[in-house]
């Protein structure tokens, strides 16, 4: 059975998006990329102002409530449906709930071949990237660097602290046969 979904899990500014773009370049078939940012960008702005939505605290903490979780569940099921329909998908994800987040994805992706990839990066390096990007709340990278990996089981772990995105993508592609 071919890999249908590659899930990249890592904290903000760990390098997941760059790796996902490189995967699209090195994998032999067309792969779609969807990520947490895709979901958040698709939500109405009111989700950031309402109780139960999503809140980006000034210190970088991300707090999500039941309204966010309901839309996220539908989105995850949609990704799974596309994979079952024949699409090959790279998911650029941030497991804020660690193992509980992975479990939500595992339930939705049941029966599909999934490659689970942990994308690690030293907190100080990710924080530097965060500042250079300029589009993130400062502190998000440091607060997520380790918490997103708690209790998560991977098929492959990579560290982007000193590795380039293309190098990481090639290592992942070698496992996504």
Protein backbone atom coordinates (compact mmCIF):
# COMPACT_ATOMS: atom_id res chain seq x y z
CA UNK A 1 0.00 0.00 0.00
CA UNK A 2 1.34 3.45 -0.93
CA UNK A 3 1.66 6.25 1.56
CA UNK A 4 -1.40 8.48 1.14
CA UNK A 5 -0.67 11.07 3.83
CA UNK A 6 2.51 12.52 5.31
CA UNK A 7 1.88 14.33 8.59
CA UNK A 8 4.58 16.82 9.55
CA UNK A 9 4.22 17.82 13.19
CA UNK A 10 6.33 20.51 14.76
CA UNK A 11 6.19 23.83 16.52
CA UNK A 12 5.81 27.18 14.85
CA UNK A 13 8.82 28.17 12.70
CA UNK A 14 10.34 24.68 12.92
CA UNK A 15 10.56 24.42 9.11
CA UNK A 16 7.48 22.35 8.25
CA UNK A 17 6.20 24.62 5.45
CA UNK A 18 9.58 24.71 3.70
CA UNK A 19 9.86 20.95 3.95
CA UNK A 20 6.32 20.53 2.58
CA UNK A 21 7.18 22.64 -0.50
CA UNK A 22 10.37 20.64 -1.02
CA UNK A 23 8.42 17.39 -0.71
CA UNK A 24 6.18 18.55 -3.53
CA UNK A 25 9.32 19.02 -5.64
CA UNK A 26 11.00 15.68 -4.85
CA UNK A 27 8.08 13.25 -4.60
CA UNK A 28 7.26 11.57 -7.92
CA UNK A 29 3.49 12.15 -7.86
CA UNK A 30 1.56 15.37 -7.23
CA UNK A 31 0.97 15.95 -3.50
CA UNK A 32 -1.36 18.55 -2.02
CA UNK A 33 -0.25 20.50 1.07
CA UNK A 34 -2.65 21.59 3.79
CA UNK A 35 -1.74 22.92 7.19
CA UNK A 36 -2.96 24.47 10.36
CA UNK A 37 -2.41 27.88 8.78
CA UNK A 38 -4.72 26.83 5.92
CA UNK A 39 -7.47 26.07 8.42
CA UNK A 40 -6.98 29.22 10.50
CA UNK A 41 -6.83 31.42 7.39
CA UNK A 42 -10.10 29.90 6.14
CA UNK A 43 -11.94 30.73 9.37
CA UNK A 44 -13.86 33.96 9.76
CA UNK A 45 -12.09 36.70 11.71
CA UNK A 46 -14.82 36.43 14.35
CA UNK A 47 -13.29 33.07 15.43
CA UNK A 48 -10.42 35.10 16.95
CA UNK A 49 -12.76 37.29 18.95
CA UNK A 50 -15.30 34.79 20.21
CA UNK A 51 -15.25 32.59 23.26
CA UNK A 52 -14.55 29.05 22.17
CA UNK A 53 -12.70 30.08 19.00
CA UNK A 54 -8.95 30.52 18.72
CA UNK A 55 -6.87 33.01 20.64
CA UNK A 56 -3.26 34.01 20.05
CA UNK A 57 -2.05 35.37 23.38
CA UNK A 58 0.61 38.12 23.48
CA UNK A 59 3.16 35.63 24.90
CA UNK A 60 2.70 33.26 21.94
CA UNK A 61 0.35 30.81 23.64
CA UNK A 62 -2.45 29.50 21.42
CA UNK A 63 -5.75 28.72 23.12
CA UNK A 64 -8.50 26.87 21.24
CA UNK A 65 -12.07 26.28 22.29
CA UNK A 66 -15.00 24.08 21.27
CA UNK A 67 -16.04 26.17 18.24
CA UNK A 68 -12.53 25.86 16.84
CA UNK A 69 -12.41 22.13 17.63
CA UNK A 70 -15.71 21.54 15.79
CA UNK A 71 -14.39 23.19 12.61
CA UNK A 72 -11.04 21.46 13.00
CA UNK A 73 -12.77 18.05 13.25
CA UNK A 74 -14.66 18.71 10.01
CA UNK A 75 -11.44 19.87 8.33
CA UNK A 76 -9.55 16.73 9.43
CA UNK A 77 -12.35 14.52 8.10
CA UNK A 78 -12.22 16.47 4.82
CA UNK A 79 -8.48 15.86 4.49
CA UNK A 80 -9.05 12.16 5.17
CA UNK A 81 -11.84 12.05 2.55
CA UNK A 82 -9.54 13.59 -0.07
CA UNK A 83 -6.86 10.99 0.71
CA UNK A 84 -9.43 8.20 0.44
CA UNK A 85 -10.54 9.74 -2.85
CA UNK A 86 -7.05 9.30 -4.29
CA UNK A 87 -5.21 12.51 -3.39
CA UNK A 88 -1.81 12.28 -1.78
CA UNK A 89 -1.53 14.84 0.98
CA UNK A 90 1.15 16.46 3.13
CA UNK A 91 -0.28 17.86 6.37
CA UNK A 92 1.68 20.71 8.00
CA UNK A 93 0.41 20.48 11.57
CA UNK A 94 1.06 21.75 15.09
CA UNK A 95 -0.14 19.22 17.69
CA UNK A 96 -0.89 21.68 20.49
CA UNK A 97 -2.40 18.78 22.45
CA UNK A 98 0.50 16.40 21.77
CA UNK A 99 -0.71 12.78 21.77
CA UNK A 100 -4.40 13.81 21.93
CA UNK A 101 -3.97 15.79 18.72
CA UNK A 102 -2.33 12.84 16.99
CA UNK A 103 -5.16 10.58 18.14
CA UNK A 104 -7.74 12.82 16.40
CA UNK A 105 -5.80 12.50 13.16
CA UNK A 106 -5.25 8.74 13.61
CA UNK A 107 -8.99 8.16 14.00
CA UNK A 108 -9.80 10.14 10.86
CA UNK A 109 -7.00 8.58 8.80
CA UNK A 110 -7.74 5.00 9.88
CA UNK A 111 -7.14 2.50 7.10
CA UNK A 112 -4.82 4.84 5.18
CA UNK A 113 -1.05 4.49 5.04
CA UNK A 114 0.30 7.50 6.93
CA UNK A 115 3.89 8.55 7.50
CA UNK A 116 4.16 10.40 10.83
CA UNK A 117 7.10 12.81 10.88
CA UNK A 118 8.30 14.81 13.87
CA UNK A 119 9.90 18.08 12.82
CA UNK A 120 12.13 19.29 15.63
CA UNK A 121 14.12 22.49 15.93
CA UNK A 122 15.95 23.98 18.89
CA UNK A 123 13.72 26.57 20.51
CA UNK A 124 16.27 29.38 20.17
CA UNK A 125 16.72 28.72 16.44
CA UNK A 126 12.95 28.54 15.86
CA UNK A 127 12.54 31.79 17.84
CA UNK A 128 15.09 33.47 15.57
CA UNK A 129 13.21 32.29 12.49
CA UNK A 130 9.98 33.54 14.03
CA UNK A 131 11.38 37.06 14.43
CA UNK A 132 12.81 36.98 10.88
CA UNK A 133 9.44 35.93 9.44
CA UNK A 134 7.63 38.79 11.08
CA UNK A 135 4.21 37.17 10.71
CA UNK A 136 4.04 35.30 14.02
CA UNK A 137 3.42 36.27 17.60
CA UNK A 138 6.82 36.39 19.26
CA UNK A 139 7.07 33.58 21.78
CA UNK A 140 4.99 31.06 19.82
CA UNK A 141 8.01 29.12 18.54
CA UNK A 142 9.62 28.77 21.96
CA UNK A 143 6.36 27.78 23.66
CA UNK A 144 5.58 25.09 21.06
CA UNK A 145 9.05 23.64 20.40
CA UNK A 146 8.65 20.72 22.82
CA UNK A 147 4.98 20.58 23.84
CA UNK A 148 3.80 19.54 20.35
CA UNK A 149 5.88 16.34 20.56
CA UNK A 150 4.70 15.14 24.00
CA UNK A 151 3.47 11.58 23.73
CA UNK A 152 3.46 11.64 19.91
CA UNK A 153 4.73 8.51 18.12
CA UNK A 154 6.60 9.02 14.86
CA UNK A 155 7.84 6.87 12.00
CA UNK A 156 10.64 9.37 11.42
CA UNK A 157 12.03 12.38 13.28
CA UNK A 158 14.10 15.11 11.70
CA UNK A 159 15.84 18.10 13.20
CA UNK A 160 15.88 21.31 11.17
CA UNK A 161 18.17 23.15 13.57
CA UNK A 162 21.10 22.70 11.19
CA UNK A 163 19.53 20.86 8.23
CA UNK A 164 18.12 22.46 5.09
CA UNK A 165 14.52 21.84 4.01
CA UNK A 166 15.52 19.92 0.87
CA UNK A 167 17.78 17.57 2.84
CA UNK A 168 14.90 16.87 5.25
CA UNK A 169 12.44 16.40 2.39
CA UNK A 170 14.68 13.83 0.72
CA UNK A 171 14.94 11.85 3.97
CA UNK A 172 11.13 11.89 4.29
CA UNK A 173 10.59 11.01 0.63
CA UNK A 174 12.81 7.96 1.08
CA UNK A 175 10.35 6.68 3.70
CA UNK A 176 7.16 7.59 1.80
CA UNK A 177 7.43 4.84 -0.79
